[in-house]
Amino acid sequence: MSSPASSAAPMLAREMKAWVLDGPNELRLSTKPVPRPGPAEAVVRIGAVAVCGTDLEVIRDGPPALVAGGLPFNRNFTPGHEYMGTIAALGEGVDEFAVGERVAVEIHAGCGRCTRCREGMYTACVNYGLNYADHDKGHRANGFTTDGGFAQYALNHINTLVRVPHGMSDEEATLIVTAGTAIYGLDVLGGLIAGQSLVVTGPGAIGLMGVGMAKALGAGLVILSGTDRDRSRLEIGRTFGADEVVDASAEDAVQAVMRITRGKGVDYVLECSGAPNALNDAARMVSRGGRICLVAFTHGEAPVNVARLVSNNIYVFGIRGEGHSATRRAAALLAQARFPAKLLHTHTFAFDALPQAIRCAAERIGDPIKVVVKVDERHA
């Protein structure tokens, strides 16, 4: 008796179109073999993929991508990690999903054998990038250490698959990973006990999603800060539930938080801006014993006022990705439509126009928040 995988696999095309990263900022449309699934794997036919700020860093600089032990350039590597699609084939013995199901895809599949993976911290896998030649310990992070979603098909471990809620569009489904990162940050901060206060710094996609998710989880006062170039995003933040928004170009953000909280500060800060002084500002926004979660990457080293952190018993956490199965909970919250998450999707491009999509996101042409690339049916 044939398994679902054996009956589905022959239906897969032999080749697919995929974007390959040559040198820095050099993407080339190429042809690759369609992957075949092994045990505990599924092949996903990609329906849509969003452009993340980290994609821009990978394409421009290389890190945090690590391919075959080195930078991702000129290694026939396909970036892209915020994608969704339809299961096209299943590996032997896989019965958790069915061919034809719509899924969003979590980035990280840790090695499953290191201490961090066994603790559920697979986004901090000790064996990050070890998945090649004589250094194969099973780690995978699609779009970072293994081929990602700027292609027609992608191979995924079944642990990374999340069912797309009924009625959700392809474009909105690409936001599930973004929401998962916000949820993971809130988890690290303590699960945001109902009624506690939060500042979100930086109204990008993760910051805005953090506002919406925090309110969905019962947060009390939520303050969102940005700059004068973020005015439209700050207004979306209000729509997502922010009680107060701060234009840091017009008023010092720390002083604004103290004004709003009457000098008390907030319980938590979710730092999504990556600004050089962001951590020091966050330390002045939280009350004594408060918690700060760093989500964004800074460019270069940043000075930190350690004395303030220590003397005020302030906790600082850094997160990577969407650990602790946060994407599953994010999908469930998005399905409840507590806030209009689809407002984050602002621009759509065809698959062949990926370089234009990258440029739109990188140069903020037309004030994009989430740029989505649709993988057109004619490319099947």
Protein backbone atom coordinates (compact mmCIF):
# COMPACT_ATOMS: atom_id res chain seq x y z
CA MET A 1 0.00 0.00 0.00
CA SER A 2 1.49 3.32 -1.05
CA SER A 3 1.97 6.14 1.45
CA PRO A 4 0.61 9.66 0.81
CA ALA A 5 4.16 10.76 0.02
CA SER A 6 4.83 8.06 -2.53
CA SER A 7 1.62 8.84 -4.40
CA ALA A 8 2.24 12.60 -4.31
CA ALA A 9 5.96 12.82 -5.02
CA PRO A 10 5.77 11.78 -8.71
CA MET A 11 3.44 14.73 -9.30
CA LEU A 12 6.21 17.18 -8.44
CA ALA A 13 7.89 19.03 -11.27
CA ARG A 14 11.53 18.14 -11.87
CA GLU A 15 12.76 21.74 -11.96
CA MET A 16 11.73 25.06 -10.50
CA LYS A 17 12.63 28.70 -10.78
CA ALA A 18 14.53 30.13 -7.85
CA TRP A 19 16.38 33.33 -7.09
CA VAL A 20 20.04 32.78 -6.28
CA LEU A 21 22.35 35.13 -4.40
CA ASP A 22 25.60 35.70 -6.29
CA GLY A 23 27.61 38.61 -4.90
CA PRO A 24 26.33 41.21 -2.43
CA ASN A 25 23.06 42.72 -3.72
CA GLU A 26 23.20 40.42 -6.76
CA LEU A 27 20.13 38.23 -7.19
CA ARG A 28 19.82 36.04 -10.27
CA LEU A 29 16.79 34.07 -11.45
CA SER A 30 17.95 30.52 -11.96
CA THR A 31 16.70 26.95 -12.30
CA LYS A 32 17.08 24.37 -9.54
CA PRO A 33 15.83 20.81 -9.01
CA VAL A 34 12.60 20.62 -7.04
CA PRO A 35 13.57 19.09 -3.66
CA ARG A 36 12.24 15.68 -2.66
CA PRO A 37 11.12 15.07 0.92
CA GLY A 38 12.78 12.63 3.28
CA PRO A 39 11.45 11.34 6.62
CA ALA A 40 9.76 14.05 8.69
CA GLU A 41 9.88 16.45 5.73
CA ALA A 42 7.44 18.15 3.40
CA VAL A 43 7.83 20.01 0.13
CA VAL A 44 5.90 23.27 0.11
CA ARG A 45 4.78 24.89 -3.10
CA ILE A 46 5.24 28.55 -2.24
CA GLY A 47 2.27 30.84 -2.70
CA ALA A 48 3.68 34.07 -1.32
CA VAL A 49 6.80 35.29 0.45
CA ALA A 50 7.33 38.55 2.34
CA VAL A 51 10.52 40.59 2.31
CA CYS A 52 11.93 40.98 5.81
CA GLY A 53 14.51 43.50 6.95
CA THR A 54 16.83 40.60 7.74
CA ASP A 55 16.56 39.45 4.12
CA LEU A 56 17.95 42.83 3.12
CA GLU A 57 20.90 42.35 5.49
CA VAL A 58 21.60 38.85 4.16
CA ILE A 59 21.50 40.03 0.54
CA ARG A 60 23.67 43.07 1.25
CA ASP A 61 26.12 41.88 3.93
CA GLY A 62 25.76 38.12 4.36
CA PRO A 63 25.20 37.64 8.13
CA PRO A 64 23.24 36.30 9.87
CA ALA A 65 23.17 33.80 6.98
CA LEU A 66 25.78 31.04 7.24
CA VAL A 67 25.94 28.68 4.28
CA ALA A 68 28.35 25.72 4.22
CA GLY A 69 30.36 27.37 6.97
CA GLY A 70 30.78 30.76 5.30
CA LEU A 71 29.08 33.78 3.81
CA PRO A 72 26.10 33.02 1.55
CA PHE A 73 27.55 34.64 -1.58
CA ASN A 74 28.20 32.59 -4.72
CA ARG A 75 27.02 29.33 -3.14
CA ASN A 76 23.87 28.78 -5.21
CA PHE A 77 21.93 29.88 -2.13
CA THR A 78 18.30 31.03 -2.20
CA PRO A 79 17.32 33.56 0.52
CA GLY A 80 13.84 34.40 1.82
CA HIS A 81 12.22 33.10 4.99
CA GLU A 82 8.74 34.59 5.54
CA TYR A 83 6.76 32.37 3.21
CA MET A 84 3.59 30.32 3.00
CA GLY A 85 2.22 27.86 0.52
CA THR A 86 0.58 24.51 -0.09
CA ILE A 87 2.00 21.11 0.80
CA ALA A 88 2.99 19.44 -2.47
CA ALA A 89 4.59 16.23 -1.17
CA LEU A 90 5.26 14.46 2.12
CA GLY A 91 8.15 12.31 3.23
CA GLU A 92 7.78 8.69 4.22
CA GLY A 93 5.76 8.22 7.39
CA VAL A 94 4.54 11.81 7.61
CA ASP A 95 0.88 11.80 8.66
CA GLU A 96 0.68 15.05 10.63
CA PHE A 97 -0.22 16.98 7.46
CA ALA A 98 -1.84 16.22 4.12
CA VAL A 99 -0.96 17.15 0.58
CA GLY A 100 -2.95 20.25 -0.39
CA GLU A 101 -3.02 21.83 3.07
CA ARG A 102 -2.11 25.52 3.25
CA VAL A 103 0.72 26.21 5.66
CA ALA A 104 2.93 29.01 6.87
CA VAL A 105 6.51 28.12 7.59
CA GLU A 106 8.60 28.78 10.66
CA ILE A 107 12.24 29.56 9.86
CA HIS A 108 14.17 27.48 12.31
CA ALA A 109 14.40 23.71 12.64
CA GLY A 110 17.14 23.20 15.18
CA CYS A 111 19.34 20.15 15.32
CA GLY A 112 17.12 18.60 18.01
CA ARG A 113 20.14 17.21 19.84
CA CYS A 114 21.82 20.17 21.55
CA THR A 115 20.95 21.55 24.98
CA ARG A 116 19.16 24.61 23.63
CA CYS A 117 16.99 22.64 21.20
CA ARG A 118 15.96 20.26 23.96
CA GLU A 119 14.94 23.29 26.03
CA GLY A 120 12.73 24.50 23.18
CA MET A 121 15.18 27.27 22.25
CA TYR A 122 15.78 25.94 18.75
CA THR A 123 16.30 29.44 17.34
CA ALA A 124 19.43 29.51 19.50
CA CYS A 125 20.59 26.07 18.34
CA VAL A 126 24.21 25.45 19.37
CA ASN A 127 24.78 23.74 16.02
CA TYR A 128 23.56 26.70 13.95
CA GLY A 129 24.72 26.29 10.36
CA LEU A 130 26.05 22.76 10.80
CA ASN A 131 24.19 21.00 8.01
CA TYR A 132 26.78 20.26 5.34
CA ALA A 133 29.38 17.64 4.37
CA ASP A 134 31.18 16.26 7.43
CA HIS A 135 29.62 18.94 9.65
CA ASP A 136 25.98 17.84 9.34
CA LYS A 137 24.27 17.84 12.71
CA GLY A 138 20.82 18.41 11.24
CA HIS A 139 20.35 22.12 11.87
CA ARG A 140 18.28 24.03 9.32
CA ALA A 141 17.12 27.61 9.08
CA ASN A 142 15.53 28.20 5.71
CA GLY A 143 16.70 31.42 4.13
CA PHE A 144 19.72 31.56 6.45
CA THR A 145 21.60 28.26 6.42
CA THR A 146 19.51 26.35 3.89
CA ASP A 147 17.55 27.39 0.81
CA GLY A 148 14.63 29.67 1.54
CA GLY A 149 11.45 31.00 0.03
CA PHE A 150 12.49 33.11 -2.97
CA ALA A 151 11.65 30.08 -5.08
CA GLN A 152 8.69 28.05 -6.28
CA TYR A 153 9.22 25.18 -3.84
CA ALA A 154 10.97 24.71 -0.50
CA LEU A 155 11.84 21.72 1.65
CA ASN A 156 10.76 21.94 5.28
CA HIS A 157 10.89 19.85 8.41
CA ILE A 158 7.32 19.17 9.54
CA ASN A 159 8.05 20.81 12.91
CA THR A 160 8.25 24.15 11.09
CA LEU A 161 4.81 23.94 9.47
CA VAL A 162 1.82 25.88 10.81
CA ARG A 163 -1.64 25.53 9.29
CA VAL A 164 -3.00 28.74 7.81
CA PRO A 165 -6.29 29.70 9.45
CA HIS A 166 -9.37 29.33 7.28
CA GLY A 167 -10.22 32.42 5.26
CA MET A 168 -6.78 34.03 5.62
CA SER A 169 -5.26 35.32 2.38
CA ASP A 170 -1.82 34.25 1.16
CA GLU A 171 -0.51 37.75 1.78
CA GLU A 172 -1.72 37.87 5.38
CA ALA A 173 -0.42 34.34 5.98
CA THR A 174 3.13 35.56 5.31
CA LEU A 175 2.70 37.70 8.44
CA ILE A 176 2.40 34.67 10.73
CA VAL A 177 6.18 34.45 11.14
CA THR A 178 6.34 38.19 11.91
CA ALA A 179 3.64 37.75 14.52
CA GLY A 180 5.52 34.77 15.93
CA THR A 181 8.59 36.90 16.53
CA ALA A 182 6.48 39.47 18.39
CA ILE A 183 4.87 36.73 20.49
CA TYR A 184 8.28 35.24 21.32
CA GLY A 185 9.48 38.64 22.50
CA LEU A 186 6.44 39.05 24.71
CA ASP A 187 6.98 35.54 26.07
CA VAL A 188 10.55 36.38 27.04
CA LEU A 189 9.33 39.52 28.79
CA GLY A 190 7.15 37.37 31.00
CA GLY A 191 4.04 36.61 28.96
CA LEU A 192 2.69 40.12 29.44
CA ILE A 193 0.43 39.63 32.40
CA ALA A 194 -2.90 41.34 31.78
CA GLY A 195 -2.89 44.98 32.76
CA GLN A 196 0.84 45.58 32.63
CA SER A 197 2.37 48.39 30.61
CA LEU A 198 4.57 48.26 27.54
CA VAL A 199 6.56 50.56 25.28
CA VAL A 200 7.25 49.40 21.73
CA THR A 201 10.09 51.33 20.11
CA GLY A 202 10.19 51.22 16.32
CA PRO A 203 6.95 50.90 14.31
CA GLY A 204 8.19 48.42 11.73
CA ALA A 205 6.32 45.21 11.00
CA ILE A 206 7.48 43.44 14.17
CA GLY A 207 6.93 46.50 16.34
CA LEU A 208 3.41 47.05 15.03
CA MET A 209 2.66 43.36 15.38
CA GLY A 210 3.98 43.60 18.94
CA VAL A 211 1.42 46.31 19.68
CA GLY A 212 -1.45 44.24 18.33
CA MET A 213 -0.34 41.02 20.01
CA ALA A 214 0.26 42.73 23.35
CA LYS A 215 -3.25 44.14 23.34
CA ALA A 216 -4.65 40.77 22.29
CA LEU A 217 -2.89 39.25 25.31
CA GLY A 218 -4.44 41.79 27.68
CA ALA A 219 -1.76 44.43 28.08
CA GLY A 220 -2.77 47.64 29.82
CA LEU A 221 -1.08 50.83 28.66
CA VAL A 222 0.77 50.38 25.35
CA ILE A 223 2.93 53.21 24.00
CA LEU A 224 4.39 53.13 20.49
CA SER A 225 7.29 55.39 19.54
CA GLY A 226 8.70 56.30 16.13
CA THR A 227 9.98 59.30 14.21
CA ASP A 228 8.52 61.82 11.80
CA ARG A 229 9.14 59.43 8.87
CA ASP A 230 6.92 56.88 10.65
CA ARG A 231 3.74 58.95 10.92
CA SER A 232 1.58 56.63 8.84
CA ARG A 233 2.92 53.66 10.78
CA LEU A 234 2.17 55.33 14.10
CA GLU A 235 -1.43 55.77 12.94
CA ILE A 236 -1.60 52.06 12.11
CA GLY A 237 -0.27 51.47 15.62
CA ARG A 238 -3.28 53.33 16.99
CA THR A 239 -5.51 51.09 14.89
CA PHE A 240 -3.75 48.06 16.36
CA GLY A 241 -4.53 49.26 19.88
CA ALA A 242 -1.72 51.58 20.96
CA ASP A 243 -3.04 53.85 23.71
CA GLU A 244 -0.40 56.52 23.06
CA VAL A 245 1.97 57.19 20.17
CA VAL A 246 5.12 59.27 20.42
CA ASP A 247 6.87 61.10 17.61
CA ALA A 248 10.45 61.09 18.88
CA SER A 249 11.35 63.76 16.32
CA ALA A 250 9.06 66.21 18.11
CA GLU A 251 9.44 65.08 21.71
CA ASP A 252 12.13 63.11 23.51
CA ALA A 253 10.74 59.59 23.72
CA VAL A 254 11.97 58.94 27.27
CA GLN A 255 10.45 62.21 28.52
CA ALA A 256 7.21 61.37 26.72
CA VAL A 257 6.99 57.98 28.42
CA MET A 258 7.64 59.56 31.80
CA ARG A 259 5.01 62.20 31.10
CA ILE A 260 2.43 59.61 30.11
CA THR A 261 3.20 57.34 33.09
CA ARG A 262 3.52 60.27 35.53
CA GLY A 263 7.13 59.46 36.21
CA LYS A 264 6.64 55.78 36.99
CA GLY A 265 7.92 54.24 33.78
CA VAL A 266 6.55 51.03 32.24
CA ASP A 267 6.86 47.35 33.04
CA TYR A 268 8.30 46.31 29.70
CA VAL A 269 10.00 47.64 26.57
CA LEU A 270 9.97 45.76 23.28
CA GLU A 271 12.86 47.34 21.35
CA CYS A 272 12.35 47.03 17.59
CA SER A 273 14.18 50.08 16.24
CA GLY A 274 17.82 49.05 16.27
CA ALA A 275 18.81 52.64 17.07
CA PRO A 276 22.32 53.05 18.55
CA ASN A 277 21.05 54.41 21.89
CA ALA A 278 17.91 52.28 22.01
CA LEU A 279 18.94 50.13 24.96
CA ASN A 280 19.94 53.13 27.08
CA ASP A 281 16.65 54.84 26.26
CA ALA A 282 14.72 51.69 27.10
CA ALA A 283 16.50 51.48 30.45
CA ARG A 284 15.22 54.98 31.24
CA MET A 285 11.67 54.08 30.16
CA VAL A 286 11.17 51.04 32.38
CA SER A 287 10.49 51.19 36.08
CA ARG A 288 12.88 49.59 38.55
CA GLY A 289 12.84 45.84 38.05
CA GLY A 290 11.47 46.27 34.53
CA ARG A 291 12.28 44.12 31.52
CA ILE A 292 13.64 44.96 28.09
CA CYS A 293 13.54 42.68 25.07
CA LEU A 294 15.84 43.48 22.15
CA VAL A 295 14.41 42.36 18.82
CA ALA A 296 16.21 44.54 16.26
CA PHE A 297 19.81 44.32 15.11
CA THR A 298 22.00 47.39 15.59
CA HIS A 299 24.64 48.30 13.05
CA GLY A 300 27.94 48.28 14.86
CA GLU A 301 28.67 48.32 18.57
CA ALA A 302 26.58 50.49 20.88
CA PRO A 303 27.64 51.88 24.28
CA VAL A 304 25.52 50.72 27.20
CA ASN A 305 25.02 52.32 30.61
CA VAL A 306 25.50 49.13 32.61
CA ALA A 307 25.37 50.97 35.94
CA ARG A 308 21.77 51.99 35.31
CA LEU A 309 20.76 48.44 34.46
CA VAL A 310 22.44 46.99 37.55
CA SER A 311 21.43 49.66 40.06
CA ASN A 312 17.80 49.45 38.96
CA ASN A 313 17.64 45.66 38.68
CA ILE A 314 16.60 45.89 35.01
CA TYR A 315 16.49 42.67 33.01
CA VAL A 316 17.65 42.64 29.38
CA PHE A 317 16.87 39.86 26.92
CA GLY A 318 17.74 39.30 23.29
CA ILE A 319 15.66 37.06 21.05
CA ARG A 320 16.27 35.41 17.72
CA GLY A 321 13.31 34.58 15.50
CA GLU A 322 10.18 32.91 16.74
CA GLY A 323 11.12 30.28 19.32
CA HIS A 324 9.02 28.15 21.65
CA SER A 325 6.51 27.40 18.87
CA ALA A 326 5.38 31.02 18.98
CA THR A 327 4.16 30.91 15.38
CA ARG A 328 1.40 28.46 16.26
CA ARG A 329 0.05 30.77 18.94
CA ALA A 330 0.50 33.73 16.62
CA ALA A 331 -1.57 32.03 13.93
CA ALA A 332 -4.31 31.34 16.47
CA LEU A 333 -4.39 34.98 17.59
CA LEU A 334 -4.40 36.26 14.01
CA ALA A 335 -7.33 33.97 13.26
CA GLN A 336 -9.31 35.71 16.00
CA ALA A 337 -8.89 39.03 14.13
CA ARG A 338 -8.37 41.08 17.30
CA PHE A 339 -6.73 43.73 15.12
CA PRO A 340 -6.47 44.26 11.33
CA ALA A 341 -3.04 42.69 10.79
CA LYS A 342 -3.50 42.73 7.02
CA LEU A 343 -2.86 46.50 7.10
CA LEU A 344 0.84 45.63 7.39
CA HIS A 345 0.79 44.27 3.84
CA THR A 346 1.28 47.38 1.73
CA HIS A 347 2.95 46.30 -1.53
CA THR A 348 2.76 43.28 -3.84
CA PHE A 349 5.16 42.21 -6.58
CA ALA A 350 5.26 39.33 -9.04
CA PHE A 351 7.84 36.57 -8.63
CA ASP A 352 9.90 37.76 -11.60
CA ALA A 353 10.02 41.24 -10.06
CA LEU A 354 11.75 40.20 -6.83
CA PRO A 355 14.67 42.64 -7.29
CA GLN A 356 12.17 45.49 -7.53
CA ALA A 357 10.47 44.23 -4.36
CA ILE A 358 13.82 44.17 -2.56
CA ARG A 359 14.55 47.73 -3.69
CA CYS A 360 11.09 48.89 -2.60
CA ALA A 361 11.67 47.50 0.90
CA ALA A 362 15.28 48.65 1.19
CA GLU A 363 14.70 52.22 0.01
CA ARG A 364 11.21 52.53 1.55
CA ILE A 365 9.73 53.49 -1.81
CA GLY A 366 6.07 54.31 -1.28
CA ASP A 367 6.38 53.92 2.52
CA PRO A 368 6.14 50.12 2.59
CA ILE A 369 5.71 48.07 5.73
CA LYS A 370 5.46 44.52 4.39
CA VAL A 371 6.34 43.88 0.78
CA VAL A 372 4.95 40.58 -0.49
CA VAL A 373 6.04 38.64 -3.56
CA LYS A 374 3.40 36.41 -5.11
CA VAL A 375 4.71 33.25 -6.74
CA ASP A 376 2.57 33.26 -9.88
CA GLU A 377 0.78 30.10 -11.01
CA ARG A 378 2.25 30.38 -14.47
CA HIS A 379 5.66 29.63 -12.98
CA ALA A 380 4.56 26.12 -11.96
